[in-house]
PDB file of N, CA and C in Angstrom:
ATOM      1  N   MET A   1      93.795  99.123 132.051  1.00  0.00           N
ATOM      2  CA  MET A   1      93.103  98.278 131.253  1.00  0.00           C
ATOM      3  C   MET A   1      93.641  98.497 129.771  1.00  0.00           C
ATOM      4  N   LEU A   2      94.092  99.518 129.361  1.00  0.00           N
ATOM      5  CA  LEU A   2      94.727  99.594 128.013  1.00  0.00           C
ATOM      6  C   LEU A   2      96.111  98.877 128.005  1.00  0.00           C
ATOM      7  N   ARG A   3      96.692  98.956 129.110  1.00  0.00           N
ATOM      8  CA  ARG A   3      98.151  98.289 129.213  1.00  0.00           C
ATOM      9  C   ARG A   3      97.697  96.720 128.870  1.00  0.00           C
ATOM     10  N   LEU A   4      96.836  96.249 129.630  1.00  0.00           N
ATOM     11  CA  LEU A   4      96.449  94.673 129.496  1.00  0.00           C
ATOM     12  C   LEU A   4      96.037  94.427 128.134  1.00  0.00           C
ATOM     13  N   PHE A   5      95.582  95.410 127.323  1.00  0.00           N
ATOM     14  CA  PHE A   5      95.210  95.037 125.912  1.00  0.00           C
ATOM     15  C   PHE A   5      96.207  95.009 125.058  1.00  0.00           C
ATOM     16  N   TYR A   6      97.232  95.952 125.270  1.00  0.00           N
ATOM     17  CA  TYR A   6      98.504  95.895 124.420  1.00  0.00           C
ATOM     18  C   TYR A   6      99.421  94.727 124.835  1.00  0.00           C
ATOM     19  N   GLU A   7      99.359  94.209 126.129  1.00  0.00           N
ATOM     20  CA  GLU A   7     100.282  93.106 126.514  1.00  0.00           C
ATOM     21  C   GLU A   7      99.769  91.910 125.826  1.00  0.00           C
ATOM     22  N   SER A   8      98.243  91.748 125.949  1.00  0.00           N
ATOM     23  CA  SER A   8      97.781  90.384 125.516  1.00  0.00           C
ATOM     24  C   SER A   8      98.025  90.531 123.913  1.00  0.00           C
ATOM     25  N   ARG A   9      98.031  91.638 123.261  1.00  0.00           N
ATOM     26  CA  ARG A   9      98.027  91.784 121.668  1.00  0.00           C
ATOM     27  C   ARG A   9      99.637  91.275 121.504  1.00  0.00           C
ATOM     28  N   LEU A  10     100.627  91.670 122.326  1.00  0.00           N
ATOM     29  CA  LEU A  10     101.973  91.458 122.049  1.00  0.00           C
ATOM     30  C   LEU A  10     102.374  89.816 122.389  1.00  0.00           C
ATOM     31  N   LYS A  11     101.523  89.251 123.039  1.00  0.00           N
ATOM     32  CA  LYS A  11     101.689  87.762 123.318  1.00  0.00           C
ATOM     33  C   LYS A  11     101.041  86.992 122.359  1.00  0.00           C
ATOM     34  N   GLY A  12     100.880  87.534 121.049  1.00  0.00           N
ATOM     35  CA  GLY A  12     100.057  86.633 120.040  1.00  0.00           C
ATOM     36  C   GLY A  12     101.000  85.823 119.393  1.00  0.00           C
ATOM     37  N   SER A  13     100.663  84.856 118.559  1.00  0.00           N
ATOM     38  CA  SER A  13     101.698  83.713 117.968  1.00  0.00           C
ATOM     39  C   SER A  13     102.548  84.443 116.927  1.00  0.00           C
ATOM     40  N   TYR A  14     103.575  83.848 116.815  1.00  0.00           N
ATOM     41  CA  TYR A  14     104.604  84.196 115.702  1.00  0.00           C
ATOM     42  C   TYR A  14     103.890  83.992 114.415  1.00  0.00           C
ATOM     43  N   TYR A  15     103.118  82.874 114.283  1.00  0.00           N
ATOM     44  CA  TYR A  15     102.498  82.655 112.955  1.00  0.00           C
ATOM     45  C   TYR A  15     101.672  83.795 112.539  1.00  0.00           C
ATOM     46  N   LEU A  16     100.886  84.331 113.487  1.00  0.00           N
ATOM     47  CA  LEU A  16      99.983  85.615 113.186  1.00  0.00           C
ATOM     48  C   LEU A  16     100.704  86.902 112.650  1.00  0.00           C
ATOM     49  N   ALA A  17     102.063  86.945 113.353  1.00  0.00           N
ATOM     50  CA  ALA A  17     102.901  88.079 112.917  1.00  0.00           C
ATOM     51  C   ALA A  17     103.490  87.820 111.465  1.00  0.00           C
ATOM     52  N   TRP A  18     103.894  86.722 111.274  1.00  0.00           N
ATOM     53  CA  TRP A  18     104.301  86.394 109.968  1.00  0.00           C
ATOM     54  C   TRP A  18     103.178  86.313 108.981  1.00  0.00           C
ATOM     55  N   ARG A  19     102.095  85.875 109.251  1.00  0.00           N
ATOM     56  CA  ARG A  19     100.962  85.973 108.157  1.00  0.00           C
ATOM     57  C   ARG A  19     100.828  87.531 107.843  1.00  0.00           C
ATOM     58  N   ARG A  20     100.683  88.335 108.918  1.00  0.00           N
ATOM     59  CA  ARG A  20     100.389  89.804 108.745  1.00  0.00           C
ATOM     60  C   ARG A  20     101.645  90.395 107.805  1.00  0.00           C
ATOM     61  N   GLY A  21     102.652  90.058 108.259  1.00  0.00           N
ATOM     62  CA  GLY A  21     103.910  90.538 107.451  1.00  0.00           C
ATOM     63  C   GLY A  21     103.863  90.047 105.974  1.00  0.00           C
ATOM     64  N   LEU A  22     103.513  88.928 105.826  1.00  0.00           N
ATOM     65  CA  LEU A  22     103.530  88.429 104.508  1.00  0.00           C
ATOM     66  C   LEU A  22     102.320  88.997 103.646  1.00  0.00           C
ATOM     67  N   LEU A  23     101.196  89.102 104.190  1.00  0.00           N
ATOM     68  CA  LEU A  23     100.096  89.884 103.475  1.00  0.00           C
ATOM     69  C   LEU A  23     100.358  91.197 103.086  1.00  0.00           C
ATOM     70  N   THR A  24     101.020  91.934 104.281  1.00  0.00           N
ATOM     71  CA  THR A  24     101.354  93.299 103.889  1.00  0.00           C
ATOM     72  C   THR A  24     102.454  93.631 102.808  1.00  0.00           C
ATOM     73  N   ASN A  25     103.363  92.480 102.617  1.00  0.00           N
ATOM     74  CA  ASN A  25     104.341  92.723 101.518  1.00  0.00           C
ATOM     75  C   ASN A  25     103.880  92.199 100.276  1.00  0.00           C
ATOM     76  N   LEU A  26     102.837  91.213 100.162  1.00  0.00           N
ATOM     77  CA  LEU A  26     102.397  90.753  98.951  1.00  0.00           C
ATOM     78  C   LEU A  26     101.385  91.821  98.504  1.00  0.00           C
ATOM     79  N   LEU A  27     100.705  92.556  99.327  1.00  0.00           N
ATOM     80  CA  LEU A  27      99.793  93.455  98.851  1.00  0.00           C
ATOM     81  C   LEU A  27     100.343  94.813  98.633  1.00  0.00           C
ATOM     82  N   ASN A  28     101.649  95.113  98.771  1.00  0.00           N
ATOM     83  CA  ASN A  28     102.177  96.347  98.749  1.00  0.00           C
ATOM     84  C   ASN A  28     102.645  96.794  97.428  1.00  0.00           C
ATOM     85  N   PRO A  29     101.821  97.721  96.954  1.00  0.00           N
ATOM     86  CA  PRO A  29     102.029  98.154  95.471  1.00  0.00           C
ATOM     87  C   PRO A  29     103.344  98.758  95.156  1.00  0.00           C
ATOM     88  N   LYS A  30     104.051  99.385  95.977  1.00  0.00           N
ATOM     89  CA  LYS A  30     105.380  99.719  95.877  1.00  0.00           C
ATOM     90  C   LYS A  30     106.333  98.733  95.241  1.00  0.00           C
ATOM     91  N   SER A  31     106.290  97.521  96.073  1.00  0.00           N
ATOM     92  CA  SER A  31     107.063  96.414  95.632  1.00  0.00           C
ATOM     93  C   SER A  31     106.693  95.794  94.346  1.00  0.00           C
ATOM     94  N   LEU A  32     105.495  95.637  94.043  1.00  0.00           N
ATOM     95  CA  LEU A  32     104.912  95.117  92.793  1.00  0.00           C
ATOM     96  C   LEU A  32     105.366  96.008  91.660  1.00  0.00           C
ATOM     97  N   LEU A  33     105.343  97.373  91.830  1.00  0.00           N
ATOM     98  CA  LEU A  33     105.653  98.412  90.874  1.00  0.00           C
ATOM     99  C   LEU A  33     106.960  98.311  90.507  1.00  0.00           C
ATOM    100  N   PHE A  34     107.925  98.188  91.510  1.00  0.00           N
ATOM    101  CA  PHE A  34     109.206  98.230  91.488  1.00  0.00           C
ATOM    102  C   PHE A  34     109.867  96.901  90.356  1.00  0.00           C
ATOM    103  N   CYS A  35     109.137  95.798  90.829  1.00  0.00           N
ATOM    104  CA  CYS A  35     109.536  94.476  90.257  1.00  0.00           C
ATOM    105  C   CYS A  35     109.050  94.410  88.925  1.00  0.00           C
ATOM    106  N   SER A  36     107.948  95.078  88.582  1.00  0.00           N
ATOM    107  CA  SER A  36     107.407  95.126  87.305  1.00  0.00           C
ATOM    108  C   SER A  36     107.714  96.081  86.162  1.00  0.00           C
ATOM    109  N   VAL A  37     108.483  97.061  86.786  1.00  0.00           N
ATOM    110  CA  VAL A  37     108.860  98.269  85.949  1.00  0.00           C
ATOM    111  C   VAL A  37     110.254  98.196  86.034  1.00  0.00           C
ATOM    112  N   LEU A  38     111.033  98.096  87.098  1.00  0.00           N
ATOM    113  CA  LEU A  38     112.511  98.311  86.922  1.00  0.00           C
ATOM    114  C   LEU A  38     113.262  97.141  86.851  1.00  0.00           C
ATOM    115  N   LEU A  39     112.907  96.109  87.287  1.00  0.00           N
ATOM    116  CA  LEU A  39     113.726  94.897  87.188  1.00  0.00           C
ATOM    117  C   LEU A  39     113.643  94.284  85.670  1.00  0.00           C
ATOM    118  N   PRO A  40     112.759  94.400  84.848  1.00  0.00           N
ATOM    119  CA  PRO A  40     112.805  93.990  83.317  1.00  0.00           C
ATOM    120  C   PRO A  40     113.947  94.684  82.645  1.00  0.00           C
ATOM    121  N   GLN A  41     114.521  95.859  82.992  1.00  0.00           N
ATOM    122  CA  GLN A  41     115.407  96.611  82.026  1.00  0.00           C
ATOM    123  C   GLN A  41     116.689  95.764  82.345  1.00  0.00           C
ATOM    124  N   PHE A  42     116.845  94.912  83.363  1.00  0.00           N
ATOM    125  CA  PHE A  42     117.952  94.277  83.551  1.00  0.00           C
ATOM    126  C   PHE A  42     118.069  92.740  82.936  1.00  0.00           C
ATOM    127  N   ILE A  43     116.874  92.407  82.383  1.00  0.00           N
ATOM    128  CA  ILE A  43     116.734  91.005  81.729  1.00  0.00           C
ATOM    129  C   ILE A  43     117.026  91.170  80.325  1.00  0.00           C
ATOM    130  N   HIS A  44     117.860  90.401  79.967  1.00  0.00           N
ATOM    131  CA  HIS A  44     118.501  90.230  78.636  1.00  0.00           C
ATOM    132  C   HIS A  44     118.040  88.775  78.050  1.00  0.00           C
ATOM    133  N   THR A  45     117.302  88.905  77.179  1.00  0.00           N
ATOM    134  CA  THR A  45     116.863  87.626  76.442  1.00  0.00           C
ATOM    135  C   THR A  45     117.724  86.874  75.674  1.00  0.00           C
ATOM    136  N   GLN A  46     118.818  87.523  75.196  1.00  0.00           N
ATOM    137  CA  GLN A  46     119.684  86.700  74.472  1.00  0.00           C
ATOM    138  C   GLN A  46     120.705  86.082  75.339  1.00  0.00           C
ATOM    139  N   GLN A  47     120.593  86.333  76.869  1.00  0.00           N
ATOM    140  CA  GLN A  47     121.775  85.661  77.733  1.00  0.00           C
ATOM    141  C   GLN A  47     121.094  84.468  78.440  1.00  0.00           C
ATOM    142  N   GLY A  48     120.153  83.903  77.939  1.00  0.00           N
ATOM    143  CA  GLY A  48     119.720  82.797  78.658  1.00  0.00           C
ATOM    144  C   GLY A  48     118.109  82.786  79.152  1.00  0.00           C
ATOM    145  N   ALA A  49     117.990  81.946  80.046  1.00  0.00           N
ATOM    146  CA  ALA A  49     116.269  81.814  80.388  1.00  0.00           C
ATOM    147  C   ALA A  49     115.864  83.030  81.082  1.00  0.00           C
ATOM    148  N   VAL A  50     114.832  83.604  80.655  1.00  0.00           N
ATOM    149  CA  VAL A  50     114.294  84.856  81.247  1.00  0.00           C
ATOM    150  C   VAL A  50     113.725  84.460  82.671  1.00  0.00           C
ATOM    151  N   ALA A  51     113.167  83.420  82.833  1.00  0.00           N
ATOM    152  CA  ALA A  51     112.697  82.992  84.378  1.00  0.00           C
ATOM    153  C   ALA A  51     113.789  82.951  85.149  1.00  0.00           C
ATOM    154  N   LEU A  52     114.870  82.436  84.686  1.00  0.00           N
ATOM    155  CA  LEU A  52     116.119  82.257  85.666  1.00  0.00           C
ATOM    156  C   LEU A  52     116.548  83.581  85.827  1.00  0.00           C
ATOM    157  N   GLN A  53     116.692  84.282  85.064  1.00  0.00           N
ATOM    158  CA  GLN A  53     117.266  85.839  85.261  1.00  0.00           C
ATOM    159  C   GLN A  53     116.200  86.406  86.280  1.00  0.00           C
ATOM    160  N   PHE A  54     115.042  86.411  86.110  1.00  0.00           N
ATOM    161  CA  PHE A  54     114.077  86.997  86.993  1.00  0.00           C
ATOM    162  C   PHE A  54     114.082  86.366  88.541  1.00  0.00           C
ATOM    163  N   THR A  55     114.288  85.053  88.448  1.00  0.00           N
ATOM    164  CA  THR A  55     114.579  84.363  89.874  1.00  0.00           C
ATOM    165  C   THR A  55     115.810  85.061  90.513  1.00  0.00           C
ATOM    166  N   LEU A  56     116.838  85.045  89.628  1.00  0.00           N
ATOM    167  CA  LEU A  56     118.173  85.553  90.311  1.00  0.00           C
ATOM    168  C   LEU A  56     118.220  86.878  90.881  1.00  0.00           C
ATOM    169  N   LEU A  57     117.481  87.753  89.884  1.00  0.00           N
ATOM    170  CA  LEU A  57     117.543  89.181  90.317  1.00  0.00           C
ATOM    171  C   LEU A  57     116.616  89.215  91.489  1.00  0.00           C
ATOM    172  N   GLY A  58     115.604  88.544  91.597  1.00  0.00           N
ATOM    173  CA  GLY A  58     114.620  88.583  92.744  1.00  0.00           C
ATOM    174  C   GLY A  58     115.093  88.053  94.064  1.00  0.00           C
ATOM    175  N   ALA A  59     116.058  87.195  93.985  1.00  0.00           N
ATOM    176  CA  ALA A  59     116.729  86.460  95.101  1.00  0.00           C
ATOM    177  C   ALA A  59     117.754  87.529  95.552  1.00  0.00           C
ATOM    178  N   VAL A  60     118.462  88.132  94.740  1.00  0.00           N
ATOM    179  CA  VAL A  60     119.297  89.201  94.974  1.00  0.00           C
ATOM    180  C   VAL A  60     118.615  90.408  95.717  1.00  0.00           C
ATOM    181  N   LEU A  61     117.530  90.733  95.110  1.00  0.00           N
ATOM    182  CA  LEU A  61     116.769  91.890  95.882  1.00  0.00           C
ATOM    183  C   LEU A  61     116.281  91.426  97.179  1.00  0.00           C
ATOM    184  N   VAL A  62     115.811  90.392  97.478  1.00  0.00           N
ATOM    185  CA  VAL A  62     115.417  89.854  98.611  1.00  0.00           C
ATOM    186  C   VAL A  62     116.553  89.675  99.562  1.00  0.00           C
ATOM    187  N   GLY A  63     117.587  89.024  99.078  1.00  0.00           N
ATOM    188  CA  GLY A  63     118.936  89.200 100.056  1.00  0.00           C
ATOM    189  C   GLY A  63     119.297  90.491 100.423  1.00  0.00           C
ATOM    190  N   VAL A  64     119.418  91.415  99.453  1.00  0.00           N
ATOM    191  CA  VAL A  64     119.881  92.816  99.927  1.00  0.00           C
ATOM    192  C   VAL A  64     118.898  93.317 101.025  1.00  0.00           C
ATOM    193  N   GLY A  65     117.643  93.198 100.683  1.00  0.00           N
ATOM    194  CA  GLY A  65     116.567  93.769 101.499  1.00  0.00           C
ATOM    195  C   GLY A  65     116.735  93.138 103.053  1.00  0.00           C
ATOM    196  N   LEU A  66     116.970  91.882 103.121  1.00  0.00           N
ATOM    197  CA  LEU A  66     117.017  91.024 104.405  1.00  0.00           C
ATOM    198  C   LEU A  66     118.177  91.545 105.021  1.00  0.00           C
ATOM    199  N   LEU A  67     119.539  91.804 104.445  1.00  0.00           N
ATOM    200  CA  LEU A  67     120.546  92.194 104.777  1.00  0.00           C
ATOM    201  C   LEU A  67     120.277  93.351 105.635  1.00  0.00           C
ATOM    202  N   TYR A  68     119.689  94.451 104.921  1.00  0.00           N
ATOM    203  CA  TYR A  68     119.435  95.834 105.333  1.00  0.00           C
ATOM    204  C   TYR A  68     118.462  95.705 106.578  1.00  0.00           C
ATOM    205  N   ASP A  69     117.504  94.934 106.468  1.00  0.00           N
ATOM    206  CA  ASP A  69     116.542  94.813 107.604  1.00  0.00           C
ATOM    207  C   ASP A  69     117.104  94.438 108.922  1.00  0.00           C
ATOM    208  N   VAL A  70     118.206  93.372 108.690  1.00  0.00           N
ATOM    209  CA  VAL A  70     118.830  92.822 109.980  1.00  0.00           C
ATOM    210  C   VAL A  70     119.751  93.789 110.496  1.00  0.00           C
ATOM    211  N   LEU A  71     120.552  94.477 109.597  1.00  0.00           N
ATOM    212  CA  LEU A  71     121.446  95.469 110.177  1.00  0.00           C
ATOM    213  C   LEU A  71     120.698  96.789 110.776  1.00  0.00           C
ATOM    214  N   TYR A  72     119.645  96.944 110.369  1.00  0.00           N
ATOM    215  CA  TYR A  72     118.799  98.128 110.658  1.00  0.00           C
ATOM    216  C   TYR A  72     118.179  97.767 112.023  1.00  0.00           C
ATOM    217  N   ALA A  73     117.675  96.504 112.304  1.00  0.00           N
ATOM    218  CA  ALA A  73     117.319  95.939 113.511  1.00  0.00           C
ATOM    219  C   ALA A  73     118.421  95.874 114.461  1.00  0.00           C
ATOM    220  N   CYS A  74     119.685  95.562 114.173  1.00  0.00           N
ATOM    221  CA  CYS A  74     120.916  95.336 115.078  1.00  0.00           C
ATOM    222  C   CYS A  74     121.111  96.889 115.581  1.00  0.00           C
ATOM    223  N   LEU A  75     121.089  97.712 114.718  1.00  0.00           N
ATOM    224  CA  LEU A  75     121.433  99.078 114.917  1.00  0.00           C
ATOM    225  C   LEU A  75     120.324  99.807 115.975  1.00  0.00           C
ATOM    226  N   GLY A  76     119.157  99.359 115.793  1.00  0.00           N
ATOM    227  CA  GLY A  76     118.194  99.826 116.636  1.00  0.00           C
ATOM    228  C   GLY A  76     118.331  99.375 118.019  1.00  0.00           C
ATOM    229  N   ALA A  77     118.429  98.095 118.065  1.00  0.00           N
ATOM    230  CA  ALA A  77     118.652  97.385 119.478  1.00  0.00           C
ATOM    231  C   ALA A  77     119.846  97.690 120.252  1.00  0.00           C
ATOM    232  N   GLN A  78     120.949  98.100 119.468  1.00  0.00           N
ATOM    233  CA  GLN A  78     122.265  98.736 119.988  1.00  0.00           C
ATOM    234  C   GLN A  78     121.822 100.097 120.484  1.00  0.00           C
ATOM    235  N   MET A  79     121.067 100.835 119.836  1.00  0.00           N
ATOM    236  CA  MET A  79     120.828 102.390 120.271  1.00  0.00           C
ATOM    237  C   MET A  79     119.878 102.182 121.464  1.00  0.00           C
ATOM    238  N   GLN A  80     118.822 101.261 121.363  1.00  0.00           N
ATOM    239  CA  GLN A  80     117.870 101.293 122.566  1.00  0.00           C
ATOM    240  C   GLN A  80     118.699 100.775 123.879  1.00  0.00           C
ATOM    241  N   ARG A  81     119.772  99.894 123.807  1.00  0.00           N
ATOM    242  CA  ARG A  81     120.613  99.549 125.019  1.00  0.00           C
ATOM    243  C   ARG A  81     121.447 100.820 125.422  1.00  0.00           C
ATOM    244  N   TRP A  82     121.925 101.633 124.459  1.00  0.00           N
ATOM    245  CA  TRP A  82     122.581 102.630 124.786  1.00  0.00           C
ATOM    246  C   TRP A  82     121.886 103.881 125.484  1.00  0.00           C
ATOM    247  N   PHE A  83     120.543 104.087 124.769  1.00  0.00           N
ATOM    248  CA  PHE A  83     119.853 105.000 125.539  1.00  0.00           C
ATOM    249  C   PHE A  83     119.308 104.600 126.939  1.00  0.00           C
ATOM    250  N   ALA A  84     119.007 103.380 127.122  1.00  0.00           N
ATOM    251  CA  ALA A  84     118.484 102.981 128.264  1.00  0.00           C
ATOM    252  C   ALA A  84     119.464 102.752 129.401  1.00  0.00           C
ATOM    253  N   SER A  85     120.729 102.752 129.052  1.00  0.00           N
ATOM    254  CA  SER A  85     121.790 102.529 130.009  1.00  0.00           C
ATOM    255  C   SER A  85     121.989 103.699 130.990  1.00  0.00           C
ATOM    256  N   GLN A  86     121.584 105.046 130.587  1.00  0.00           N
ATOM    257  CA  GLN A  86     121.583 106.067 131.411  1.00  0.00           C
ATOM    258  C   GLN A  86     120.327 106.978 131.275  1.00  0.00           C
ATOM    259  N   HIS A  87     119.865 107.601 132.434  1.00  0.00           N
ATOM    260  CA  HIS A  87     118.693 108.069 132.450  1.00  0.00           C
ATOM    261  C   HIS A  87     118.704 109.478 131.781  1.00  0.00           C
ATOM    262  N   LYS A  88     120.008 110.126 131.838  1.00  0.00           N
ATOM    263  CA  LYS A  88     120.306 111.502 131.151  1.00  0.00           C
ATOM    264  C   LYS A  88     120.063 111.393 129.747  1.00  0.00           C
ATOM    265  N   ARG A  89     120.483 110.143 129.180  1.00  0.00           N
ATOM    266  CA  ARG A  89     120.427 110.067 127.798  1.00  0.00           C
ATOM    267  C   ARG A  89     119.032 109.823 127.197  1.00  0.00           C
ATOM    268  N   GLN A  90     118.035 109.432 128.152  1.00  0.00           N
ATOM    269  CA  GLN A  90     116.716 109.197 127.786  1.00  0.00           C
ATOM    270  C   GLN A  90     116.190 110.816 127.964  1.00  0.00           C
ATOM    271  N   ILE A  91     116.421 111.381 128.956  1.00  0.00           N
ATOM    272  CA  ILE A  91     115.930 112.887 128.886  1.00  0.00           C
ATOM    273  C   ILE A  91     116.193 113.605 127.949  1.00  0.00           C
ATOM    274  N   PHE A  92     117.566 113.533 127.407  1.00  0.00           N
ATOM    275  CA  PHE A  92     118.119 114.203 126.314  1.00  0.00           C
ATOM    276  C   PHE A  92     117.267 113.820 125.007  1.00  0.00           C
ATOM    277  N   GLN A  93     117.062 112.642 124.912  1.00  0.00           N
ATOM    278  CA  GLN A  93     116.412 112.085 123.609  1.00  0.00           C
ATOM    279  C   GLN A  93     114.992 112.714 123.735  1.00  0.00           C
ATOM    280  N   ARG A  94     114.236 112.558 124.980  1.00  0.00           N
ATOM    281  CA  ARG A  94     112.843 113.263 124.782  1.00  0.00           C
ATOM    282  C   ARG A  94     112.957 114.696 124.508  1.00  0.00           C
ATOM    283  N   TRP A  95     113.931 115.421 125.065  1.00  0.00           N
ATOM    284  CA  TRP A  95     113.923 116.805 124.767  1.00  0.00           C
ATOM    285  C   TRP A  95     114.187 117.105 123.335  1.00  0.00           C
ATOM    286  N   VAL A  96     115.033 116.262 122.779  1.00  0.00           N
ATOM    287  CA  VAL A  96     115.456 116.389 121.343  1.00  0.00           C
ATOM    288  C   VAL A  96     114.340 116.393 120.419  1.00  0.00           C
ATOM    289  N   PHE A  97     113.637 115.019 120.680  1.00  0.00           N
ATOM    290  CA  PHE A  97     112.251 114.715 119.749  1.00  0.00           C
ATOM    291  C   PHE A  97     111.245 115.445 120.150  1.00  0.00           C
ATOM    292  N   GLY A  98     111.120 115.881 121.251  1.00  0.00           N
ATOM    293  CA  GLY A  98     109.950 116.739 121.684  1.00  0.00           C
ATOM    294  C   GLY A  98     110.107 118.122 121.000  1.00  0.00           C
ATOM    295  N   THR A  99     111.468 118.843 120.798  1.00  0.00           N
ATOM    296  CA  THR A  99     111.532 120.008 120.259  1.00  0.00           C
ATOM    297  C   THR A  99     111.442 119.837 118.767  1.00  0.00           C
ATOM    298  N   LEU A 100     111.845 118.592 118.151  1.00  0.00           N
ATOM    299  CA  LEU A 100     111.785 118.502 116.833  1.00  0.00           C
ATOM    300  C   LEU A 100     110.178 118.302 116.357  1.00  0.00           C
ATOM    301  N   LEU A 101     109.369 117.745 117.271  1.00  0.00           N
ATOM    302  CA  LEU A 101     107.834 117.589 116.980  1.00  0.00           C
ATOM    303  C   LEU A 101     107.225 118.786 117.006  1.00  0.00           C
ATOM    304  N   ILE A 102     107.835 119.742 118.136  1.00  0.00           N
ATOM    305  CA  ILE A 102     107.074 121.034 118.033  1.00  0.00           C
ATOM    306  C   ILE A 102     107.337 121.912 116.908  1.00  0.00           C
ATOM    307  N   GLY A 103     108.721 121.878 116.603  1.00  0.00           N
ATOM    308  CA  GLY A 103     109.202 122.603 115.341  1.00  0.00           C
ATOM    309  C   GLY A 103     108.322 122.116 113.987  1.00  0.00           C
ATOM    310  N   PHE A 104     107.981 120.913 113.894  1.00  0.00           N
ATOM    311  CA  PHE A 104     107.300 120.422 112.692  1.00  0.00           C
ATOM    312  C   PHE A 104     106.018 121.017 112.848  1.00  0.00           C
ATOM    313  N   ALA A 105     105.442 120.753 114.046  1.00  0.00           N
ATOM    314  CA  ALA A 105     104.079 121.426 114.210  1.00  0.00           C
ATOM    315  C   ALA A 105     103.869 122.943 113.805  1.00  0.00           C
ATOM    316  N   LEU A 106     104.890 123.674 114.232  1.00  0.00           N
ATOM    317  CA  LEU A 106     105.035 125.101 114.002  1.00  0.00           C
ATOM    318  C   LEU A 106     105.102 125.312 112.323  1.00  0.00           C
ATOM    319  N   ARG A 107     106.023 124.515 111.793  1.00  0.00           N
ATOM    320  CA  ARG A 107     106.277 124.619 110.390  1.00  0.00           C
ATOM    321  C   ARG A 107     104.970 124.240 109.500  1.00  0.00           C
ATOM    322  N   LEU A 108     104.346 123.177 109.916  1.00  0.00           N
ATOM    323  CA  LEU A 108     102.822 122.935 109.343  1.00  0.00           C
ATOM    324  C   LEU A 108     101.974 123.950 109.504  1.00  0.00           C
ATOM    325  N   ALA A 109     101.844 124.490 110.745  1.00  0.00           N
ATOM    326  CA  ALA A 109     100.786 125.570 110.929  1.00  0.00           C
ATOM    327  C   ALA A 109     101.076 126.943 110.196  1.00  0.00           C
ATOM    328  N   ALA A 110     102.223 127.251 109.902  1.00  0.00           N
ATOM    329  CA  ALA A 110     102.745 128.407 109.179  1.00  0.00           C
ATOM    330  C   ALA A 110     102.315 128.354 107.880  1.00  0.00           C
TER     331      ALA A 110
END
């Protein structure tokens, strides 16, 4: 029954996923803080329209973020195919991450 619940959730529309991502990004205080605190130091009023400078810097920020996210997704897909290609790699991955999680738990308990 739990499996059917997750499968039905995964079959949602792209619009709902897009809307959820948009709301998450718009309500993210880290991005608002970054843009309101760190971006103005690169704005020079004597070099032209301030709004244009903000727009250009924002576009560069979005472009670099998009490029990073695309590369990260492609690397993740490539790693998934590599691990899925052999059962021994999957077993190795489970042991490594299981050991790491146990180590983190022991460290937190100490």
